[in-house]
Amino acid sequence: LQCSSTCAGGFQRRVVVCQDENGYTASDCDEKAKPAEQRSCESGPCPQWAYGNWGECTKPCGAGTRTRLVVCQR
């Protein structure tokens, strides 16, 4: 199955059942040998916002604006 997250701490699950040689459900499998039903699958850290300092105001008084660089980074 697909990973539950594309980054940071996802997991995958699968169904594990005990079957006989004909594919029918059985109950005499060794529980100690049961394969894992879940595993982690994270693919590194999630992206984060990176931002610079605010720039100068566009006006010395009244209704000016300030801008800064904002980017999404891995």
C-alpha atoms as a PDB file:
ATOM      1  CA  LEU A   1       0.000   0.000   0.000  1.00  0.00           C
ATOM      2  CA  GLN A   2       0.968   3.635  -0.377  1.00  0.00           C
ATOM      3  CA  CYS A   3       2.864   5.465   2.331  1.00  0.00           C
ATOM      4  CA  SER A   4       0.539   7.474   4.605  1.00  0.00           C
ATOM      5  CA  SER A   5       2.767  10.543   4.221  1.00  0.00           C
ATOM      6  CA  THR A   6       5.122  11.917   1.572  1.00  0.00           C
ATOM      7  CA  CYS A   7       7.500  13.088   4.320  1.00  0.00           C
ATOM      8  CA  ALA A   8       8.296  12.796   8.023  1.00  0.00           C
ATOM      9  CA  GLY A   9       6.929   9.744   9.748  1.00  0.00           C
ATOM     10  CA  GLY A  10       4.631   7.935   7.344  1.00  0.00           C
ATOM     11  CA  PHE A  11       3.790   4.242   7.504  1.00  0.00           C
ATOM     12  CA  GLN A  12       2.552   1.417   5.288  1.00  0.00           C
ATOM     13  CA  ARG A  13       0.187  -1.376   6.326  1.00  0.00           C
ATOM     14  CA  ARG A  14      -0.531  -4.765   4.789  1.00  0.00           C
ATOM     15  CA  VAL A  15      -2.825  -7.673   5.617  1.00  0.00           C
ATOM     16  CA  VAL A  16      -1.129 -10.802   7.004  1.00  0.00           C
ATOM     17  CA  VAL A  17      -3.310 -13.920   7.247  1.00  0.00           C
ATOM     18  CA  CYS A  18      -2.668 -17.581   8.020  1.00  0.00           C
ATOM     19  CA  GLN A  19      -3.579 -19.876   5.079  1.00  0.00           C
ATOM     20  CA  ASP A  20      -3.152 -23.519   4.225  1.00  0.00           C
ATOM     21  CA  GLU A  21      -1.588 -24.805   0.980  1.00  0.00           C
ATOM     22  CA  ASN A  22      -4.950 -24.410  -0.800  1.00  0.00           C
ATOM     23  CA  GLY A  23      -5.307 -20.742   0.171  1.00  0.00           C
ATOM     24  CA  TYR A  24      -7.981 -21.342   2.810  1.00  0.00           C
ATOM     25  CA  THR A  25      -7.911 -19.604   6.186  1.00  0.00           C
ATOM     26  CA  ALA A  26      -6.104 -21.654   8.804  1.00  0.00           C
ATOM     27  CA  SER A  27      -5.389 -21.168  12.507  1.00  0.00           C
ATOM     28  CA  ASP A  28      -2.263 -23.230  13.174  1.00  0.00           C
ATOM     29  CA  CYS A  29       0.431 -20.778  11.984  1.00  0.00           C
ATOM     30  CA  ASP A  30       3.322 -20.032  14.345  1.00  0.00           C
ATOM     31  CA  GLU A  31       2.523 -16.588  15.791  1.00  0.00           C
ATOM     32  CA  LYS A  32       6.228 -15.950  16.466  1.00  0.00           C
ATOM     33  CA  ALA A  33       6.962 -16.224  12.725  1.00  0.00           C
ATOM     34  CA  LYS A  34       4.169 -13.817  11.685  1.00  0.00           C
ATOM     35  CA  PRO A  35       5.499 -11.142   9.275  1.00  0.00           C
ATOM     36  CA  ALA A  36       5.133  -7.472  10.247  1.00  0.00           C
ATOM     37  CA  GLU A  37       1.846  -5.786   9.295  1.00  0.00           C
ATOM     38  CA  GLN A  38       3.219  -2.242   9.417  1.00  0.00           C
ATOM     39  CA  ARG A  39       6.486  -0.503   8.569  1.00  0.00           C
ATOM     40  CA  SER A  40       7.716   3.071   8.482  1.00  0.00           C
ATOM     41  CA  CYS A  41       8.266   4.697   5.099  1.00  0.00           C
ATOM     42  CA  GLU A  42       9.083   8.350   5.667  1.00  0.00           C
ATOM     43  CA  SER A  43      10.961   9.998   2.831  1.00  0.00           C
ATOM     44  CA  GLY A  44      12.881  12.722   4.649  1.00  0.00           C
ATOM     45  CA  PRO A  45      11.809  15.977   6.301  1.00  0.00           C
ATOM     46  CA  CYS A  46       8.728  17.903   5.192  1.00  0.00           C
ATOM     47  CA  PRO A  47       9.194  21.164   3.259  1.00  0.00           C
ATOM     48  CA  GLN A  48       9.241  24.345   5.339  1.00  0.00           C
ATOM     49  CA  TRP A  49       8.708  28.032   4.730  1.00  0.00           C
ATOM     50  CA  ALA A  50      11.945  30.032   4.606  1.00  0.00           C
ATOM     51  CA  TYR A  51      11.717  33.816   4.701  1.00  0.00           C
ATOM     52  CA  GLY A  52      13.959  36.854   4.600  1.00  0.00           C
ATOM     53  CA  ASN A  53      13.921  40.135   6.497  1.00  0.00           C
ATOM     54  CA  TRP A  54      11.313  42.786   5.818  1.00  0.00           C
ATOM     55  CA  GLY A  55      12.425  45.361   3.263  1.00  0.00           C
ATOM     56  CA  GLU A  56      12.134  49.144   3.470  1.00  0.00           C
ATOM     57  CA  CYS A  57       8.698  50.773   3.555  1.00  0.00           C
ATOM     58  CA  THR A  58       7.584  52.151   0.177  1.00  0.00           C
ATOM     59  CA  LYS A  59       6.469  55.464   1.756  1.00  0.00           C
ATOM     60  CA  PRO A  60       7.812  57.616   4.578  1.00  0.00           C
ATOM     61  CA  CYS A  61       4.256  58.028   5.955  1.00  0.00           C
ATOM     62  CA  GLY A  62       0.728  56.684   5.422  1.00  0.00           C
ATOM     63  CA  ALA A  63      -0.262  53.418   3.696  1.00  0.00           C
ATOM     64  CA  GLY A  64       3.164  52.160   2.605  1.00  0.00           C
ATOM     65  CA  THR A  65       4.048  48.488   2.217  1.00  0.00           C
ATOM     66  CA  ARG A  66       7.016  46.315   3.161  1.00  0.00           C
ATOM     67  CA  THR A  67       7.864  43.065   1.432  1.00  0.00           C
ATOM     68  CA  ARG A  68      10.098  40.081   2.099  1.00  0.00           C
ATOM     69  CA  LEU A  69      11.114  36.939   0.222  1.00  0.00           C
ATOM     70  CA  VAL A  70       9.140  33.838   1.234  1.00  0.00           C
ATOM     71  CA  VAL A  71       9.919  30.439  -0.355  1.00  0.00           C
ATOM     72  CA  CYS A  72       8.946  26.842   0.294  1.00  0.00           C
ATOM     73  CA  GLN A  73      12.114  24.755   0.706  1.00  0.00           C
ATOM     74  CA  ARG A  74      12.835  21.067   1.118  1.00  0.00           C
END
